[in-house]
């Protein structure tokens, strides 16, 4: 596997699959979560149409043509998170980021050699903000809809990296709570530079690990919990852990480990 193929593995493990026409509605019909051991779905967050063993190269999306992906789970089935909250989060905050990214990309397409630098700089800052918001939201929704029971390689690797699974969870929760009432994300990453698992604090949408693959993403913006819990962010964090889709986290880990090995070759 060469470097290009490795980068393709990373990309297709996150948010680079193209939206199908049936998923154009921000609140599109929910799709059933994958059954362990069953074939991967043809579309949805993290889905790939590439046959097993083939080099995975992400499909491109034309500037200004991004479309929201539907929720990958039944929004009525989350435990401790209301349908009203999760649908609002998806249809307003996430879909709004997609809409704004399209608008910024359309404006960037009009940039010429005569465009003032402050205009270009402002647009590029917004481009990065909305791009990361879209990516992080898609990862966030895709790692929900599970039973919250950690297992597989991720449970073993977290235990090795942090001393125990419980110790990792304690640190991840603390990282999330450090952002309560503010703006940001708690992210479990595979760090490609060091080769190990790390939990990172990410303020806003632009402060993130330079070289790594997000494995588990928790949104700590108030819009992720205020409708259900007000200022009681700790109750939201409890609910988040009850709904983690650990099979998805394991899938991301396997792709990330393969990509890291190829990048290091």
C-alpha atoms as a PDB file:
ATOM      1  CA  UNK A   1       0.000   0.000   0.000  1.00  0.00           C
ATOM      2  CA  UNK A   2       1.393   3.400  -0.964  1.00  0.00           C
ATOM      3  CA  UNK A   3       0.898   6.791   0.706  1.00  0.00           C
ATOM      4  CA  UNK A   4      -1.973   7.760  -1.583  1.00  0.00           C
ATOM      5  CA  UNK A   5      -3.841   4.556  -0.789  1.00  0.00           C
ATOM      6  CA  UNK A   6      -3.252   5.122   2.915  1.00  0.00           C
ATOM      7  CA  UNK A   7      -4.715   8.594   2.726  1.00  0.00           C
ATOM      8  CA  UNK A   8      -7.662   7.115   0.880  1.00  0.00           C
ATOM      9  CA  UNK A   9      -8.224   4.687   3.741  1.00  0.00           C
ATOM     10  CA  UNK A  10      -8.289   7.566   6.196  1.00  0.00           C
ATOM     11  CA  UNK A  11     -10.703   9.610   4.152  1.00  0.00           C
ATOM     12  CA  UNK A  12     -13.199   6.873   3.384  1.00  0.00           C
ATOM     13  CA  UNK A  13     -13.262   5.954   7.055  1.00  0.00           C
ATOM     14  CA  UNK A  14     -14.715   9.342   7.923  1.00  0.00           C
ATOM     15  CA  UNK A  15     -16.807  11.678   5.824  1.00  0.00           C
ATOM     16  CA  UNK A  16     -15.871  11.463   2.169  1.00  0.00           C
ATOM     17  CA  UNK A  17     -18.638   9.269   0.781  1.00  0.00           C
ATOM     18  CA  UNK A  18     -20.903  11.182  -1.596  1.00  0.00           C
ATOM     19  CA  UNK A  19     -24.512  11.869  -0.626  1.00  0.00           C
ATOM     20  CA  UNK A  20     -27.104  10.118  -2.744  1.00  0.00           C
ATOM     21  CA  UNK A  21     -30.227  11.959  -3.969  1.00  0.00           C
ATOM     22  CA  UNK A  22     -32.325  10.105  -1.396  1.00  0.00           C
ATOM     23  CA  UNK A  23     -30.325  11.767   1.366  1.00  0.00           C
ATOM     24  CA  UNK A  24     -30.771  15.360   0.274  1.00  0.00           C
ATOM     25  CA  UNK A  25     -33.210  16.231   3.046  1.00  0.00           C
ATOM     26  CA  UNK A  26     -31.524  17.437   6.208  1.00  0.00           C
ATOM     27  CA  UNK A  27     -34.002  15.416   8.216  1.00  0.00           C
ATOM     28  CA  UNK A  28     -34.075  12.452   5.818  1.00  0.00           C
ATOM     29  CA  UNK A  29     -35.530   9.140   6.881  1.00  0.00           C
ATOM     30  CA  UNK A  30     -33.271   7.413   9.403  1.00  0.00           C
ATOM     31  CA  UNK A  31     -31.420   4.324   8.324  1.00  0.00           C
ATOM     32  CA  UNK A  32     -30.998   1.284  10.503  1.00  0.00           C
ATOM     33  CA  UNK A  33     -27.607   0.938  12.196  1.00  0.00           C
ATOM     34  CA  UNK A  34     -25.350  -1.770  10.833  1.00  0.00           C
ATOM     35  CA  UNK A  35     -25.609  -5.242  12.300  1.00  0.00           C
ATOM     36  CA  UNK A  36     -22.268  -6.613  13.524  1.00  0.00           C
ATOM     37  CA  UNK A  37     -20.936  -9.014  10.904  1.00  0.00           C
ATOM     38  CA  UNK A  38     -23.347  -7.827   8.206  1.00  0.00           C
ATOM     39  CA  UNK A  39     -22.186  -6.278   4.913  1.00  0.00           C
ATOM     40  CA  UNK A  40     -21.527  -2.556   5.086  1.00  0.00           C
ATOM     41  CA  UNK A  41     -24.400  -0.316   3.865  1.00  0.00           C
ATOM     42  CA  UNK A  42     -24.076   1.300   0.465  1.00  0.00           C
ATOM     43  CA  UNK A  43     -24.398   4.844   1.765  1.00  0.00           C
ATOM     44  CA  UNK A  44     -24.198   6.820   4.965  1.00  0.00           C
ATOM     45  CA  UNK A  45     -21.496   8.181   7.261  1.00  0.00           C
ATOM     46  CA  UNK A  46     -18.295   6.226   6.788  1.00  0.00           C
ATOM     47  CA  UNK A  47     -19.787   3.908   4.155  1.00  0.00           C
ATOM     48  CA  UNK A  48     -17.617   2.802   1.250  1.00  0.00           C
ATOM     49  CA  UNK A  49     -18.542   1.177  -2.045  1.00  0.00           C
ATOM     50  CA  UNK A  50     -14.956  -0.002  -2.566  1.00  0.00           C
ATOM     51  CA  UNK A  51     -14.617  -3.824  -2.597  1.00  0.00           C
ATOM     52  CA  UNK A  52     -12.674  -5.394   0.253  1.00  0.00           C
ATOM     53  CA  UNK A  53      -8.952  -5.282  -0.385  1.00  0.00           C
ATOM     54  CA  UNK A  54      -9.171  -2.560  -3.035  1.00  0.00           C
ATOM     55  CA  UNK A  55      -7.442   0.795  -2.708  1.00  0.00           C
ATOM     56  CA  UNK A  56      -9.971   3.199  -1.223  1.00  0.00           C
ATOM     57  CA  UNK A  57      -9.925   6.590  -2.913  1.00  0.00           C
ATOM     58  CA  UNK A  58     -12.531   9.143  -1.798  1.00  0.00           C
ATOM     59  CA  UNK A  59     -14.921  10.558  -4.351  1.00  0.00           C
ATOM     60  CA  UNK A  60     -14.785  14.306  -4.768  1.00  0.00           C
ATOM     61  CA  UNK A  61     -17.586  16.773  -4.166  1.00  0.00           C
ATOM     62  CA  UNK A  62     -17.770  19.807  -6.404  1.00  0.00           C
ATOM     63  CA  UNK A  63     -17.374  23.146  -4.559  1.00  0.00           C
ATOM     64  CA  UNK A  64     -20.707  24.393  -3.316  1.00  0.00           C
ATOM     65  CA  UNK A  65     -22.397  21.003  -3.788  1.00  0.00           C
ATOM     66  CA  UNK A  66     -22.153  19.423  -0.331  1.00  0.00           C
ATOM     67  CA  UNK A  67     -25.358  17.857   0.947  1.00  0.00           C
ATOM     68  CA  UNK A  68     -26.339  16.903   4.505  1.00  0.00           C
ATOM     69  CA  UNK A  69     -26.291  13.196   5.294  1.00  0.00           C
ATOM     70  CA  UNK A  70     -29.305  11.712   7.087  1.00  0.00           C
ATOM     71  CA  UNK A  71     -29.025  10.543  10.656  1.00  0.00           C
ATOM     72  CA  UNK A  72     -27.603   6.980  10.640  1.00  0.00           C
ATOM     73  CA  UNK A  73     -29.957   5.832  13.407  1.00  0.00           C
ATOM     74  CA  UNK A  74     -33.577   6.126  14.481  1.00  0.00           C
ATOM     75  CA  UNK A  75     -33.716   9.455  16.390  1.00  0.00           C
ATOM     76  CA  UNK A  76     -36.499   8.120  18.616  1.00  0.00           C
ATOM     77  CA  UNK A  77     -34.299   5.322  19.973  1.00  0.00           C
ATOM     78  CA  UNK A  78     -31.458   7.204  21.682  1.00  0.00           C
ATOM     79  CA  UNK A  79     -31.385   6.818  25.448  1.00  0.00           C
ATOM     80  CA  UNK A  80     -31.441  10.083  27.367  1.00  0.00           C
ATOM     81  CA  UNK A  81     -31.372  12.229  24.221  1.00  0.00           C
ATOM     82  CA  UNK A  82     -34.729  13.373  22.878  1.00  0.00           C
ATOM     83  CA  UNK A  83     -35.774  13.116  19.258  1.00  0.00           C
ATOM     84  CA  UNK A  84     -36.485  16.845  19.322  1.00  0.00           C
ATOM     85  CA  UNK A  85     -32.932  17.678  20.377  1.00  0.00           C
ATOM     86  CA  UNK A  86     -31.068  15.340  18.011  1.00  0.00           C
ATOM     87  CA  UNK A  87     -33.206  16.314  14.993  1.00  0.00           C
ATOM     88  CA  UNK A  88     -32.763  20.009  15.772  1.00  0.00           C
ATOM     89  CA  UNK A  89     -29.013  19.486  16.137  1.00  0.00           C
ATOM     90  CA  UNK A  90     -28.884  17.696  12.795  1.00  0.00           C
ATOM     91  CA  UNK A  91     -31.269  19.894  10.814  1.00  0.00           C
ATOM     92  CA  UNK A  92     -30.109  23.265  12.141  1.00  0.00           C
ATOM     93  CA  UNK A  93     -26.506  23.139  13.366  1.00  0.00           C
ATOM     94  CA  UNK A  94     -25.069  20.457  11.099  1.00  0.00           C
ATOM     95  CA  UNK A  95     -27.154  21.204   8.019  1.00  0.00           C
ATOM     96  CA  UNK A  96     -26.476  24.901   8.600  1.00  0.00           C
ATOM     97  CA  UNK A  97     -22.726  24.228   8.476  1.00  0.00           C
ATOM     98  CA  UNK A  98     -23.174  22.362   5.185  1.00  0.00           C
ATOM     99  CA  UNK A  99     -25.169  25.271   3.753  1.00  0.00           C
ATOM    100  CA  UNK A 100     -22.596  27.819   4.891  1.00  0.00           C
ATOM    101  CA  UNK A 101     -19.706  25.748   3.526  1.00  0.00           C
ATOM    102  CA  UNK A 102     -21.390  25.728   0.134  1.00  0.00           C
ATOM    103  CA  UNK A 103     -21.822  29.493   0.219  1.00  0.00           C
ATOM    104  CA  UNK A 104     -18.200  30.098   1.220  1.00  0.00           C
ATOM    105  CA  UNK A 105     -16.933  27.795  -1.532  1.00  0.00           C
ATOM    106  CA  UNK A 106     -19.055  29.653  -4.067  1.00  0.00           C
ATOM    107  CA  UNK A 107     -17.526  32.949  -2.934  1.00  0.00           C
ATOM    108  CA  UNK A 108     -14.003  31.499  -3.070  1.00  0.00           C
ATOM    109  CA  UNK A 109     -14.630  30.465  -6.672  1.00  0.00           C
ATOM    110  CA  UNK A 110     -15.028  34.181  -7.476  1.00  0.00           C
ATOM    111  CA  UNK A 111     -11.672  35.166  -5.980  1.00  0.00           C
ATOM    112  CA  UNK A 112      -9.240  36.767  -8.427  1.00  0.00           C
ATOM    113  CA  UNK A 113      -5.760  38.269  -8.251  1.00  0.00           C
ATOM    114  CA  UNK A 114      -7.441  41.600  -7.445  1.00  0.00           C
ATOM    115  CA  UNK A 115      -9.452  40.338  -4.462  1.00  0.00           C
ATOM    116  CA  UNK A 116      -8.221  42.075  -1.294  1.00  0.00           C
ATOM    117  CA  UNK A 117      -6.202  39.873   1.034  1.00  0.00           C
ATOM    118  CA  UNK A 118      -8.493  40.510   3.989  1.00  0.00           C
ATOM    119  CA  UNK A 119     -11.435  39.195   1.963  1.00  0.00           C
ATOM    120  CA  UNK A 120      -9.546  36.047   0.944  1.00  0.00           C
ATOM    121  CA  UNK A 121      -8.307  35.530   4.509  1.00  0.00           C
ATOM    122  CA  UNK A 122     -11.790  35.853   5.947  1.00  0.00           C
ATOM    123  CA  UNK A 123     -13.218  33.407   3.445  1.00  0.00           C
ATOM    124  CA  UNK A 124     -10.436  30.873   4.038  1.00  0.00           C
ATOM    125  CA  UNK A 125     -10.985  31.067   7.807  1.00  0.00           C
ATOM    126  CA  UNK A 126     -14.705  30.434   7.307  1.00  0.00           C
ATOM    127  CA  UNK A 127     -13.952  27.616   4.867  1.00  0.00           C
ATOM    128  CA  UNK A 128     -11.867  25.821   7.490  1.00  0.00           C
ATOM    129  CA  UNK A 129     -14.431  26.436  10.229  1.00  0.00           C
ATOM    130  CA  UNK A 130     -17.389  25.102   8.259  1.00  0.00           C
ATOM    131  CA  UNK A 131     -15.421  22.204   6.739  1.00  0.00           C
ATOM    132  CA  UNK A 132     -14.354  20.982  10.175  1.00  0.00           C
ATOM    133  CA  UNK A 133     -17.855  21.532  11.564  1.00  0.00           C
ATOM    134  CA  UNK A 134     -19.311  19.312   8.840  1.00  0.00           C
ATOM    135  CA  UNK A 135     -16.682  16.606   9.362  1.00  0.00           C
ATOM    136  CA  UNK A 136     -16.929  16.584  13.150  1.00  0.00           C
ATOM    137  CA  UNK A 137     -20.725  16.558  13.129  1.00  0.00           C
ATOM    138  CA  UNK A 138     -20.805  13.622  10.699  1.00  0.00           C
ATOM    139  CA  UNK A 139     -18.343  11.704  12.863  1.00  0.00           C
ATOM    140  CA  UNK A 140     -20.357  12.592  15.972  1.00  0.00           C
ATOM    141  CA  UNK A 141     -23.683  11.358  14.600  1.00  0.00           C
ATOM    142  CA  UNK A 142     -22.039   8.211  13.186  1.00  0.00           C
ATOM    143  CA  UNK A 143     -20.621   7.213  16.590  1.00  0.00           C
ATOM    144  CA  UNK A 144     -24.076   7.381  18.192  1.00  0.00           C
ATOM    145  CA  UNK A 145     -26.924   4.873  17.999  1.00  0.00           C
ATOM    146  CA  UNK A 146     -25.188   2.024  19.825  1.00  0.00           C
ATOM    147  CA  UNK A 147     -25.668   0.331  23.188  1.00  0.00           C
ATOM    148  CA  UNK A 148     -22.733   2.021  24.907  1.00  0.00           C
ATOM    149  CA  UNK A 149     -20.971  -1.283  25.631  1.00  0.00           C
ATOM    150  CA  UNK A 150     -17.283  -1.020  24.713  1.00  0.00           C
ATOM    151  CA  UNK A 151     -15.681  -4.101  23.253  1.00  0.00           C
ATOM    152  CA  UNK A 152     -13.322  -5.337  20.573  1.00  0.00           C
ATOM    153  CA  UNK A 153      -9.883  -3.964  19.847  1.00  0.00           C
ATOM    154  CA  UNK A 154     -10.700  -0.411  20.944  1.00  0.00           C
ATOM    155  CA  UNK A 155     -11.478  -1.546  24.501  1.00  0.00           C
ATOM    156  CA  UNK A 156      -8.203  -3.463  24.661  1.00  0.00           C
ATOM    157  CA  UNK A 157      -6.153  -0.618  23.178  1.00  0.00           C
ATOM    158  CA  UNK A 158      -7.692   1.991  25.471  1.00  0.00           C
ATOM    159  CA  UNK A 159      -6.916  -0.196  28.463  1.00  0.00           C
ATOM    160  CA  UNK A 160      -3.294  -0.512  27.345  1.00  0.00           C
ATOM    161  CA  UNK A 161      -2.894   3.183  26.552  1.00  0.00           C
ATOM    162  CA  UNK A 162      -4.555   4.596  29.677  1.00  0.00           C
ATOM    163  CA  UNK A 163      -4.094   1.856  32.264  1.00  0.00           C
ATOM    164  CA  UNK A 164      -7.735   0.820  32.118  1.00  0.00           C
ATOM    165  CA  UNK A 165     -10.864   1.540  30.112  1.00  0.00           C
ATOM    166  CA  UNK A 166     -12.328   3.236  33.181  1.00  0.00           C
ATOM    167  CA  UNK A 167      -9.345   5.578  33.446  1.00  0.00           C
ATOM    168  CA  UNK A 168      -9.694   6.594  29.779  1.00  0.00           C
ATOM    169  CA  UNK A 169     -13.410   7.250  30.267  1.00  0.00           C
ATOM    170  CA  UNK A 170     -12.683   9.384  33.326  1.00  0.00           C
ATOM    171  CA  UNK A 171     -10.248  11.524  31.321  1.00  0.00           C
ATOM    172  CA  UNK A 172     -12.534  11.761  28.290  1.00  0.00           C
ATOM    173  CA  UNK A 173     -15.445  12.879  30.464  1.00  0.00           C
ATOM    174  CA  UNK A 174     -13.227  15.440  32.206  1.00  0.00           C
ATOM    175  CA  UNK A 175     -12.065  16.785  28.853  1.00  0.00           C
ATOM    176  CA  UNK A 176     -15.656  17.188  27.731  1.00  0.00           C
ATOM    177  CA  UNK A 177     -16.718  18.881  30.950  1.00  0.00           C
ATOM    178  CA  UNK A 178     -13.830  21.348  30.645  1.00  0.00           C
ATOM    179  CA  UNK A 179     -15.674  22.674  27.578  1.00  0.00           C
ATOM    180  CA  UNK A 180     -19.119  22.819  29.209  1.00  0.00           C
ATOM    181  CA  UNK A 181     -20.762  26.179  28.715  1.00  0.00           C
ATOM    182  CA  UNK A 182     -18.333  27.028  25.935  1.00  0.00           C
ATOM    183  CA  UNK A 183     -17.538  25.785  22.460  1.00  0.00           C
ATOM    184  CA  UNK A 184     -15.690  22.695  21.361  1.00  0.00           C
ATOM    185  CA  UNK A 185     -15.296  18.965  21.094  1.00  0.00           C
ATOM    186  CA  UNK A 186     -13.762  16.083  23.039  1.00  0.00           C
ATOM    187  CA  UNK A 187     -12.020  13.781  20.573  1.00  0.00           C
ATOM    188  CA  UNK A 188     -10.320  10.410  20.907  1.00  0.00           C
ATOM    189  CA  UNK A 189      -7.651  10.289  18.186  1.00  0.00           C
ATOM    190  CA  UNK A 190      -5.119   7.858  16.856  1.00  0.00           C
ATOM    191  CA  UNK A 191      -2.074  10.154  16.739  1.00  0.00           C
ATOM    192  CA  UNK A 192      -0.116   9.365  13.570  1.00  0.00           C
ATOM    193  CA  UNK A 193       2.959  11.183  14.880  1.00  0.00           C
ATOM    194  CA  UNK A 194       3.289   9.234  18.139  1.00  0.00           C
ATOM    195  CA  UNK A 195       1.329   6.140  17.093  1.00  0.00           C
ATOM    196  CA  UNK A 196      -0.809   6.018  20.225  1.00  0.00           C
ATOM    197  CA  UNK A 197      -4.328   6.852  21.357  1.00  0.00           C
ATOM    198  CA  UNK A 198      -4.875  10.300  22.828  1.00  0.00           C
ATOM    199  CA  UNK A 199      -7.864  12.312  24.018  1.00  0.00           C
ATOM    200  CA  UNK A 200      -7.774  15.901  22.812  1.00  0.00           C
ATOM    201  CA  UNK A 201      -9.538  19.110  23.720  1.00  0.00           C
ATOM    202  CA  UNK A 202     -10.659  20.913  20.569  1.00  0.00           C
ATOM    203  CA  UNK A 203     -11.911  24.477  20.854  1.00  0.00           C
ATOM    204  CA  UNK A 204     -14.321  25.790  18.252  1.00  0.00           C
ATOM    205  CA  UNK A 205     -13.953  23.963  14.922  1.00  0.00           C
ATOM    206  CA  UNK A 206     -10.392  24.881  14.036  1.00  0.00           C
ATOM    207  CA  UNK A 207      -8.202  23.662  16.879  1.00  0.00           C
ATOM    208  CA  UNK A 208      -7.442  20.018  16.258  1.00  0.00           C
ATOM    209  CA  UNK A 209      -4.614  17.501  16.017  1.00  0.00           C
ATOM    210  CA  UNK A 210      -2.604  18.057  12.833  1.00  0.00           C
ATOM    211  CA  UNK A 211      -1.890  14.401  12.081  1.00  0.00           C
ATOM    212  CA  UNK A 212      -4.423  11.972  13.421  1.00  0.00           C
ATOM    213  CA  UNK A 213      -7.673  10.095  12.865  1.00  0.00           C
ATOM    214  CA  UNK A 214     -10.680  10.909  15.079  1.00  0.00           C
ATOM    215  CA  UNK A 215     -12.089   7.690  16.505  1.00  0.00           C
ATOM    216  CA  UNK A 216     -14.718   9.017  18.912  1.00  0.00           C
ATOM    217  CA  UNK A 217     -16.171  12.523  18.817  1.00  0.00           C
ATOM    218  CA  UNK A 218     -18.321  14.196  21.486  1.00  0.00           C
ATOM    219  CA  UNK A 219     -19.926  17.544  20.688  1.00  0.00           C
ATOM    220  CA  UNK A 220     -19.731  19.866  23.705  1.00  0.00           C
ATOM    221  CA  UNK A 221     -21.432  22.898  22.177  1.00  0.00           C
ATOM    222  CA  UNK A 222     -24.517  23.855  24.166  1.00  0.00           C
ATOM    223  CA  UNK A 223     -26.779  23.054  21.213  1.00  0.00           C
ATOM    224  CA  UNK A 224     -25.870  19.375  21.756  1.00  0.00           C
ATOM    225  CA  UNK A 225     -27.574  19.227  25.160  1.00  0.00           C
ATOM    226  CA  UNK A 226     -29.241  22.488  26.280  1.00  0.00           C
ATOM    227  CA  UNK A 227     -32.707  21.573  24.955  1.00  0.00           C
ATOM    228  CA  UNK A 228     -32.792  18.440  27.141  1.00  0.00           C
ATOM    229  CA  UNK A 229     -30.557  19.319  30.083  1.00  0.00           C
ATOM    230  CA  UNK A 230     -30.190  23.084  30.268  1.00  0.00           C
ATOM    231  CA  UNK A 231     -26.826  23.822  31.841  1.00  0.00           C
ATOM    232  CA  UNK A 232     -26.449  20.289  33.270  1.00  0.00           C
ATOM    233  CA  UNK A 233     -23.788  19.176  30.802  1.00  0.00           C
ATOM    234  CA  UNK A 234     -22.748  16.214  32.981  1.00  0.00           C
ATOM    235  CA  UNK A 235     -26.134  14.541  32.384  1.00  0.00           C
ATOM    236  CA  UNK A 236     -25.630  14.915  28.650  1.00  0.00           C
ATOM    237  CA  UNK A 237     -22.183  13.302  28.904  1.00  0.00           C
ATOM    238  CA  UNK A 238     -23.808  10.386  30.770  1.00  0.00           C
ATOM    239  CA  UNK A 239     -26.361  10.036  27.965  1.00  0.00           C
ATOM    240  CA  UNK A 240     -23.635  10.235  25.321  1.00  0.00           C
ATOM    241  CA  UNK A 241     -21.816   7.260  26.829  1.00  0.00           C
ATOM    242  CA  UNK A 242     -25.037   5.218  26.889  1.00  0.00           C
ATOM    243  CA  UNK A 243     -25.404   5.676  23.126  1.00  0.00           C
ATOM    244  CA  UNK A 244     -21.854   5.198  21.811  1.00  0.00           C
ATOM    245  CA  UNK A 245     -21.754   2.961  18.744  1.00  0.00           C
ATOM    246  CA  UNK A 246     -18.531   1.124  19.597  1.00  0.00           C
ATOM    247  CA  UNK A 247     -18.642  -1.011  16.451  1.00  0.00           C
ATOM    248  CA  UNK A 248     -18.206   2.206  14.469  1.00  0.00           C
ATOM    249  CA  UNK A 249     -15.311   3.276  16.701  1.00  0.00           C
ATOM    250  CA  UNK A 250     -13.671  -0.119  16.139  1.00  0.00           C
ATOM    251  CA  UNK A 251     -14.142   0.231  12.386  1.00  0.00           C
ATOM    252  CA  UNK A 252     -12.416   3.613  12.442  1.00  0.00           C
ATOM    253  CA  UNK A 253      -9.593   2.208  14.553  1.00  0.00           C
ATOM    254  CA  UNK A 254      -8.897  -0.651  12.146  1.00  0.00           C
ATOM    255  CA  UNK A 255      -8.746   1.727   9.179  1.00  0.00           C
ATOM    256  CA  UNK A 256      -6.588   4.175  11.091  1.00  0.00           C
ATOM    257  CA  UNK A 257      -4.120   1.474  12.187  1.00  0.00           C
ATOM    258  CA  UNK A 258      -3.794   0.264   8.581  1.00  0.00           C
ATOM    259  CA  UNK A 259      -3.279   3.792   7.322  1.00  0.00           C
ATOM    260  CA  UNK A 260      -0.729   4.590  10.049  1.00  0.00           C
ATOM    261  CA  UNK A 261       1.271   1.481   9.161  1.00  0.00           C
ATOM    262  CA  UNK A 262       1.272   2.425   5.478  1.00  0.00           C
ATOM    263  CA  UNK A 263       2.291   6.009   6.197  1.00  0.00           C
ATOM    264  CA  UNK A 264       5.199   4.786   8.313  1.00  0.00           C
ATOM    265  CA  UNK A 265       6.447   2.352   5.670  1.00  0.00           C
END
